[in-house]
Amino acid sequence: MSVMQHWHREPAPARDAVAVSGDPEDVTSARRRPGAVWGRFLLRRTVRTVFSLFVIVSVAFVVVRLSAGDPVRQALGPTAPPSLVETRRAQLGLDLPLWRQYTDYLSGLLHGDLGTSIITGQPVIDVVSSRLPKSLLLAALAVAVALLVAVPFGLATAVLTRDGRRRGLELGFNGATGLATAVPEFLLGAALVITLGIWWPVLPVAGADTAASYVLPVIALAAPSAALIARVARVEGLKVLGRDYMRAARAKRLPTATLHLRHALPNMLTAVLTLAGTTAAGMVAATALVEQVFNWPGLGYALIQAISGRDYNIVGGIALVYAALIIVINLCVDVLLALLDRRTTLLER
């Protein structure tokens, strides 16, 4: 039996579909009707997505509306006459009961209207469309850097520390990655601004005018996630390296690149991709604070400013966009994992 044949016969880490369903005929029937299985799978995800968005929009609406302060008074200034304030409140519908404001807001969302800024009068959709690309690019670069650094680093450390070897390297790896995961992104960003922007001014620390402007924000976003992914990659790599088919491959004295990249890496990617999807969703949310640190002209910076100014519509619209991005990322991860292991859809019958 060749090594590749042995590899293809290695059971997947997921539980056996027969054992889960309890009925072999159900599994056989499901395998004969892949369209029906995928239809139920996507329907469940769609229902969850809609429900999650509804909950997030509702919570954001209530929290912002019940916060202290009058956004109209803040927008018009303390010297504005009360009659002007009341007129502006009526124009914005803020004089209506809370339940009426809520239904009007939901109705506008269903028609694609995110409202207008209380302070500037700018449509929220224009704010989102002008700032979202910068935030998405920042998060995408951070995810790419985290994966490109963490997966090879984790696998290489697993290879070097296999079977209890190089205890010092293992301790150093665990200590360094543990420390990196404990540092919040915004705190790391502030440290980078101080060290590489003030003490040794080698990189720009504000704006997004040049390619160099991306370096520090991407590092601040990517470093904690890269450390976490590297830890998981090492653990999964050790599991894979200890399996029988890997011992057989080593016994055949296959080249190192073939052994680790062709046989070990594909079998450890499922857990790594699951964590990477969750990490990507977290990075999208973390951009808000990182953008504030680096004065980045993205969606997160606009969200922080809107919260400070109690601009209800801006906060609600951006919160909805963030929620949609995170949910879509999680949905894509679920579909990708289901494609890698078709039995994932059967486990949720």
Protein backbone atom coordinates (compact mmCIF):
# COMPACT_ATOMS: atom_id res chain seq x y z
CA MET A 1 0.00 0.00 0.00
CA SER A 2 1.43 3.40 -0.99
CA VAL A 3 1.71 6.30 1.37
CA MET A 4 -0.87 8.26 -0.58
CA GLN A 5 -3.35 5.37 -0.41
CA HIS A 6 -2.75 5.15 3.32
CA TRP A 7 -3.32 8.89 3.65
CA HIS A 8 -6.60 8.80 1.73
CA ARG A 9 -7.89 6.04 3.99
CA GLU A 10 -7.14 7.95 7.19
CA PRO A 11 -10.46 8.69 8.92
CA ALA A 12 -11.50 12.34 9.27
CA PRO A 13 -11.57 13.81 12.78
CA ALA A 14 -15.32 14.30 12.64
CA ARG A 15 -17.56 11.70 14.25
CA ASP A 16 -18.92 8.96 12.11
CA ALA A 17 -22.18 9.98 10.50
CA VAL A 18 -23.77 6.59 11.17
CA ALA A 19 -23.01 6.82 14.84
CA VAL A 20 -24.46 10.30 15.05
CA SER A 21 -27.68 9.67 13.17
CA GLY A 22 -28.22 6.24 14.62
CA ASP A 23 -29.65 5.01 11.35
CA PRO A 24 -27.42 3.90 8.45
CA GLU A 25 -30.34 4.26 6.07
CA ASP A 26 -30.63 7.97 6.90
CA VAL A 27 -26.97 8.50 6.03
CA THR A 28 -27.25 6.54 2.80
CA SER A 29 -30.37 8.45 1.86
CA ALA A 30 -28.71 11.77 2.64
CA ARG A 31 -25.70 10.86 0.53
CA ARG A 32 -28.01 10.09 -2.37
CA ARG A 33 -29.70 13.49 -1.99
CA PRO A 34 -26.85 15.98 -1.54
CA GLY A 35 -28.99 18.83 -2.84
CA ALA A 36 -31.57 18.33 -0.09
CA VAL A 37 -28.87 18.18 2.59
CA TRP A 38 -27.21 21.36 1.36
CA GLY A 39 -30.61 23.05 1.06
CA ARG A 40 -31.38 22.39 4.72
CA PHE A 41 -27.87 23.41 5.68
CA LEU A 42 -28.08 26.78 3.90
CA LEU A 43 -31.65 27.36 5.11
CA ARG A 44 -30.57 26.96 8.73
CA ARG A 45 -27.70 29.36 8.22
CA THR A 46 -29.93 31.92 6.51
CA VAL A 47 -32.49 31.83 9.32
CA ARG A 48 -29.72 32.24 11.90
CA THR A 49 -28.25 35.13 9.95
CA VAL A 50 -31.54 37.02 9.74
CA PHE A 51 -32.32 36.43 13.41
CA SER A 52 -28.83 37.52 14.49
CA LEU A 53 -29.06 40.73 12.47
CA PHE A 54 -32.48 41.48 13.95
CA VAL A 55 -31.19 41.03 17.50
CA ILE A 56 -28.10 43.16 16.90
CA VAL A 57 -30.06 45.97 15.26
CA SER A 58 -32.60 45.94 18.10
CA VAL A 59 -29.97 45.98 20.84
CA ALA A 60 -28.00 48.77 19.15
CA PHE A 61 -31.17 50.82 18.72
CA VAL A 62 -32.23 50.51 22.36
CA VAL A 63 -28.75 51.06 23.85
CA VAL A 64 -28.05 54.19 21.81
CA ARG A 65 -31.52 55.68 22.34
CA LEU A 66 -31.39 55.15 26.10
CA SER A 67 -27.92 56.64 26.51
CA ALA A 68 -27.67 59.95 28.29
CA GLY A 69 -27.65 63.22 26.39
CA ASP A 70 -29.59 64.89 23.61
CA PRO A 71 -27.95 64.47 20.19
CA VAL A 72 -29.96 67.32 18.66
CA ARG A 73 -28.89 69.74 21.37
CA GLN A 74 -25.29 68.56 20.98
CA ALA A 75 -25.45 69.01 17.21
CA LEU A 76 -27.00 72.49 17.33
CA GLY A 77 -24.93 73.71 20.26
CA PRO A 78 -25.81 74.87 23.76
CA THR A 79 -26.91 78.33 22.58
CA ALA A 80 -29.54 77.10 20.13
CA PRO A 81 -33.08 78.26 21.08
CA PRO A 82 -35.42 75.55 22.44
CA SER A 83 -37.86 76.11 19.57
CA LEU A 84 -35.18 75.24 17.01
CA VAL A 85 -34.20 72.13 18.98
CA GLU A 86 -37.80 70.92 19.13
CA THR A 87 -38.30 71.59 15.43
CA ARG A 88 -35.21 69.60 14.54
CA ARG A 89 -36.28 66.75 16.85
CA ALA A 90 -39.65 66.63 15.08
CA GLN A 91 -37.97 66.58 11.66
CA LEU A 92 -35.86 63.59 12.74
CA GLY A 93 -38.78 61.81 14.39
CA LEU A 94 -37.12 61.89 17.80
CA ASP A 95 -40.22 63.34 19.42
CA LEU A 96 -42.15 60.14 18.72
CA PRO A 97 -42.53 57.31 21.25
CA LEU A 98 -39.62 54.87 21.34
CA TRP A 99 -41.64 52.02 19.85
CA ARG A 100 -42.67 54.21 16.93
CA GLN A 101 -39.06 55.25 16.30
CA TYR A 102 -38.12 51.56 16.34
CA THR A 103 -40.76 50.50 13.80
CA ASP A 104 -39.90 53.42 11.54
CA TYR A 105 -36.22 52.49 11.75
CA LEU A 106 -36.90 48.85 10.85
CA SER A 107 -39.14 49.93 7.97
CA GLY A 108 -36.36 52.13 6.62
CA LEU A 109 -33.85 49.27 6.86
CA LEU A 110 -36.15 46.98 4.90
CA HIS A 111 -36.23 49.59 2.13
CA GLY A 112 -32.45 50.02 2.16
CA ASP A 113 -32.53 53.34 4.01
CA LEU A 114 -30.03 53.60 6.87
CA GLY A 115 -31.12 57.14 7.67
CA THR A 116 -29.14 60.36 7.76
CA SER A 117 -26.60 61.71 10.20
CA ILE A 118 -28.13 63.83 12.95
CA ILE A 119 -25.06 66.04 13.11
CA THR A 120 -24.02 66.45 9.46
CA GLY A 121 -27.17 65.47 7.56
CA GLN A 122 -25.12 63.12 5.37
CA PRO A 123 -26.83 59.87 4.36
CA VAL A 124 -25.49 56.97 6.42
CA ILE A 125 -25.09 54.84 3.30
CA ASP A 126 -22.63 57.44 1.94
CA VAL A 127 -20.59 57.28 5.15
CA VAL A 128 -20.50 53.49 4.95
CA SER A 129 -19.62 53.33 1.25
CA SER A 130 -16.77 55.84 1.59
CA ARG A 131 -15.17 54.28 4.67
CA LEU A 132 -15.91 50.58 4.43
CA PRO A 133 -13.26 49.76 1.75
CA LYS A 134 -10.46 51.08 4.00
CA SER A 135 -11.61 48.95 6.92
CA LEU A 136 -12.06 45.83 4.79
CA LEU A 137 -8.62 46.21 3.23
CA LEU A 138 -7.03 46.66 6.66
CA ALA A 139 -8.77 43.57 8.07
CA ALA A 140 -8.03 41.47 4.97
CA LEU A 141 -4.33 42.31 5.08
CA ALA A 142 -4.21 41.51 8.79
CA VAL A 143 -5.87 38.12 8.26
CA ALA A 144 -3.52 37.29 5.39
CA VAL A 145 -0.43 38.27 7.41
CA ALA A 146 -1.64 36.30 10.44
CA LEU A 147 -2.18 33.12 8.41
CA LEU A 148 1.02 33.42 6.39
CA VAL A 149 3.05 33.83 9.57
CA ALA A 150 1.16 31.58 12.01
CA VAL A 151 0.60 28.39 10.00
CA PRO A 152 4.24 27.84 8.87
CA PHE A 153 5.51 28.94 12.30
CA GLY A 154 3.17 26.58 14.14
CA LEU A 155 3.92 23.63 11.84
CA ALA A 156 7.67 24.22 11.98
CA THR A 157 7.58 24.36 15.78
CA ALA A 158 5.56 21.14 15.86
CA VAL A 159 8.15 19.42 13.68
CA LEU A 160 11.05 20.63 15.81
CA THR A 161 9.42 19.79 19.16
CA ARG A 162 7.88 16.46 18.16
CA ASP A 163 8.23 13.62 20.69
CA GLY A 164 9.32 15.98 23.47
CA ARG A 165 12.42 17.27 21.72
CA ARG A 166 13.82 20.79 22.19
CA ARG A 167 12.02 21.52 25.42
CA GLY A 168 13.51 25.01 25.55
CA LEU A 169 12.07 25.90 22.15
CA GLU A 170 8.64 24.65 23.22
CA LEU A 171 8.69 26.75 26.38
CA GLY A 172 9.86 29.80 24.47
CA PHE A 173 7.16 29.32 21.84
CA ASN A 174 4.40 28.93 24.42
CA GLY A 175 5.61 31.91 26.42
CA ALA A 176 5.96 34.25 23.44
CA THR A 177 2.64 33.32 21.84
CA GLY A 178 0.84 33.40 25.18
CA LEU A 179 2.11 36.91 25.84
CA ALA A 180 1.18 38.06 22.35
CA THR A 181 -2.40 36.77 22.64
CA ALA A 182 -2.84 38.56 25.99
CA VAL A 183 -2.07 42.02 24.57
CA PRO A 184 -5.16 43.82 23.16
CA GLU A 185 -4.87 45.15 19.63
CA PHE A 186 -5.36 48.80 20.58
CA LEU A 187 -2.71 48.57 23.32
CA LEU A 188 -0.23 47.02 20.91
CA GLY A 189 -1.10 49.75 18.43
CA ALA A 190 -0.39 52.45 21.00
CA ALA A 191 2.96 50.82 21.79
CA LEU A 192 3.84 50.74 18.09
CA VAL A 193 2.95 54.41 17.74
CA ILE A 194 5.22 55.32 20.64
CA THR A 195 8.19 53.18 19.62
CA LEU A 196 8.17 53.32 15.82
CA GLY A 197 6.40 56.62 15.35
CA ILE A 198 7.76 58.84 18.12
CA TRP A 199 10.97 57.38 19.56
CA TRP A 200 12.22 56.03 16.24
CA PRO A 201 10.06 57.71 13.59
CA VAL A 202 10.53 55.20 10.80
CA LEU A 203 6.90 54.61 9.84
CA PRO A 204 3.80 56.84 9.55
CA VAL A 205 1.39 56.51 12.47
CA ALA A 206 -1.71 58.25 11.09
CA GLY A 207 -3.79 58.25 7.92
CA ALA A 208 -3.82 55.87 4.97
CA ASP A 209 -2.03 57.91 2.33
CA THR A 210 0.85 55.55 1.49
CA ALA A 211 1.59 51.84 1.55
CA ALA A 212 3.81 52.38 4.59
CA SER A 213 0.76 53.67 6.47
CA TYR A 214 -0.65 50.13 6.48
CA VAL A 215 2.32 48.53 8.23
CA LEU A 216 1.69 49.46 11.86
CA PRO A 217 -2.12 49.01 11.85
CA VAL A 218 -1.77 45.62 10.17
CA ILE A 219 0.83 44.50 12.71
CA ALA A 220 -1.37 45.69 15.59
CA LEU A 221 -4.33 43.72 14.24
CA ALA A 222 -2.46 40.63 13.08
CA ALA A 223 -0.01 39.92 15.91
CA PRO A 224 -2.41 38.67 18.65
CA SER A 225 -4.39 36.55 16.18
CA ALA A 226 -1.23 35.16 14.58
CA ALA A 227 0.01 34.04 17.99
CA LEU A 228 -3.28 32.27 18.74
CA ILE A 229 -3.42 30.56 15.34
CA ALA A 230 0.23 29.48 15.69
CA ARG A 231 -0.55 27.78 19.02
CA VAL A 232 -3.45 25.86 17.50
CA ALA A 233 -1.41 25.02 14.38
CA ARG A 234 1.34 23.54 16.56
CA VAL A 235 -1.11 21.40 18.55
CA GLU A 236 -2.82 20.15 15.39
CA GLY A 237 0.56 19.58 13.75
CA LEU A 238 1.71 17.40 16.66
CA LYS A 239 -1.47 15.32 16.35
CA VAL A 240 -0.97 14.81 12.64
CA LEU A 241 2.74 14.04 12.94
CA GLY A 242 1.96 11.28 15.43
CA ARG A 243 -0.45 9.39 13.18
CA ASP A 244 0.37 6.09 11.55
CA TYR A 245 0.38 7.33 7.97
CA MET A 246 2.96 9.98 8.87
CA ARG A 247 5.17 7.31 10.48
CA ALA A 248 4.87 5.29 7.29
CA ALA A 249 5.80 8.32 5.21
CA ARG A 250 8.87 8.97 7.36
CA ALA A 251 9.84 5.30 7.10
CA LYS A 252 9.86 5.65 3.31
CA ARG A 253 12.27 8.60 3.71
CA LEU A 254 10.17 11.01 1.69
CA PRO A 255 11.62 14.49 1.15
CA THR A 256 10.98 16.87 4.02
CA ALA A 257 8.93 19.26 1.91
CA THR A 258 6.71 16.45 0.64
CA LEU A 259 6.32 14.96 4.08
CA HIS A 260 5.23 18.14 5.82
CA LEU A 261 3.59 20.20 3.10
CA ARG A 262 1.79 17.47 1.18
CA HIS A 263 0.84 15.08 3.99
CA ALA A 264 0.89 16.97 7.29
CA LEU A 265 -0.34 20.44 6.31
CA PRO A 266 -3.64 19.46 4.59
CA ASN A 267 -4.68 17.28 7.52
CA MET A 268 -4.22 20.05 10.10
CA LEU A 269 -5.99 22.79 8.18
CA THR A 270 -9.57 22.07 9.30
CA ALA A 271 -9.05 23.23 12.87
CA VAL A 272 -6.80 26.07 11.73
CA LEU A 273 -9.37 27.34 9.22
CA THR A 274 -12.12 27.19 11.84
CA LEU A 275 -10.07 29.36 14.18
CA ALA A 276 -9.01 31.63 11.31
CA GLY A 277 -12.65 32.32 10.47
CA THR A 278 -13.43 33.24 14.05
CA THR A 279 -10.28 35.33 14.17
CA ALA A 280 -11.20 37.16 10.97
CA ALA A 281 -14.57 38.08 12.45
CA GLY A 282 -12.81 39.35 15.57
CA MET A 283 -10.39 41.41 13.49
CA VAL A 284 -13.27 43.14 11.72
CA ALA A 285 -14.63 44.20 15.10
CA ALA A 286 -11.17 45.13 16.42
CA THR A 287 -10.59 47.56 13.57
CA ALA A 288 -12.77 50.11 15.39
CA LEU A 289 -10.25 50.67 18.21
CA VAL A 290 -7.17 50.23 16.02
CA GLU A 291 -8.47 52.82 13.58
CA GLN A 292 -8.94 55.22 16.46
CA VAL A 293 -5.33 54.73 17.54
CA PHE A 294 -3.92 55.31 14.06
CA ASN A 295 -6.48 57.92 12.95
CA TRP A 296 -7.42 55.53 10.17
CA PRO A 297 -10.19 56.85 7.87
CA GLY A 298 -12.27 53.70 8.13
CA LEU A 299 -15.64 52.61 9.39
CA GLY A 300 -14.45 51.98 12.95
CA TYR A 301 -13.15 55.53 13.33
CA ALA A 302 -16.49 56.88 12.15
CA LEU A 303 -18.28 54.61 14.64
CA ILE A 304 -16.27 55.91 17.61
CA GLN A 305 -16.92 59.50 16.55
CA ALA A 306 -20.63 58.82 16.13
CA ILE A 307 -20.84 57.24 19.59
CA SER A 308 -19.14 60.29 21.10
CA GLY A 309 -21.57 62.59 19.30
CA ARG A 310 -24.59 60.35 19.99
CA ASP A 311 -25.38 60.25 16.28
CA TYR A 312 -28.05 57.54 16.45
CA ASN A 313 -28.36 56.77 12.77
CA ILE A 314 -24.61 56.57 12.13
CA VAL A 315 -24.13 54.23 15.09
CA GLY A 316 -27.03 51.99 14.06
CA GLY A 317 -26.00 51.83 10.42
CA ILE A 318 -22.36 51.04 11.12
CA ALA A 319 -23.29 48.49 13.80
CA LEU A 320 -25.51 46.76 11.25
CA VAL A 321 -22.70 46.68 8.68
CA TYR A 322 -20.24 45.27 11.21
CA ALA A 323 -22.74 42.62 12.29
CA ALA A 324 -23.45 41.65 8.69
CA LEU A 325 -19.72 41.33 7.93
CA ILE A 326 -19.08 39.13 10.97
CA ILE A 327 -22.07 36.90 10.24
CA VAL A 328 -21.13 36.55 6.57
CA ILE A 329 -17.57 35.58 7.54
CA ASN A 330 -18.87 32.92 9.91
CA LEU A 331 -21.26 31.66 7.23
CA CYS A 332 -18.40 31.37 4.73
CA VAL A 333 -16.35 29.41 7.27
CA ASP A 334 -19.26 27.03 7.91
CA VAL A 335 -19.71 26.42 4.18
CA LEU A 336 -15.96 25.93 3.66
CA LEU A 337 -15.77 23.39 6.49
CA ALA A 338 -18.83 21.61 5.13
CA LEU A 339 -17.11 21.35 1.73
CA LEU A 340 -13.94 19.99 3.34
CA ASP A 341 -15.94 17.43 5.35
CA ARG A 342 -19.35 16.70 3.86
CA ARG A 343 -20.43 14.93 7.04
CA THR A 344 -20.60 18.31 8.78
CA THR A 345 -24.02 18.86 7.22
CA LEU A 346 -25.24 15.48 8.53
CA LEU A 347 -24.24 16.30 12.09
CA GLU A 348 -26.85 19.07 12.21
CA ARG A 349 -29.85 17.24 10.79
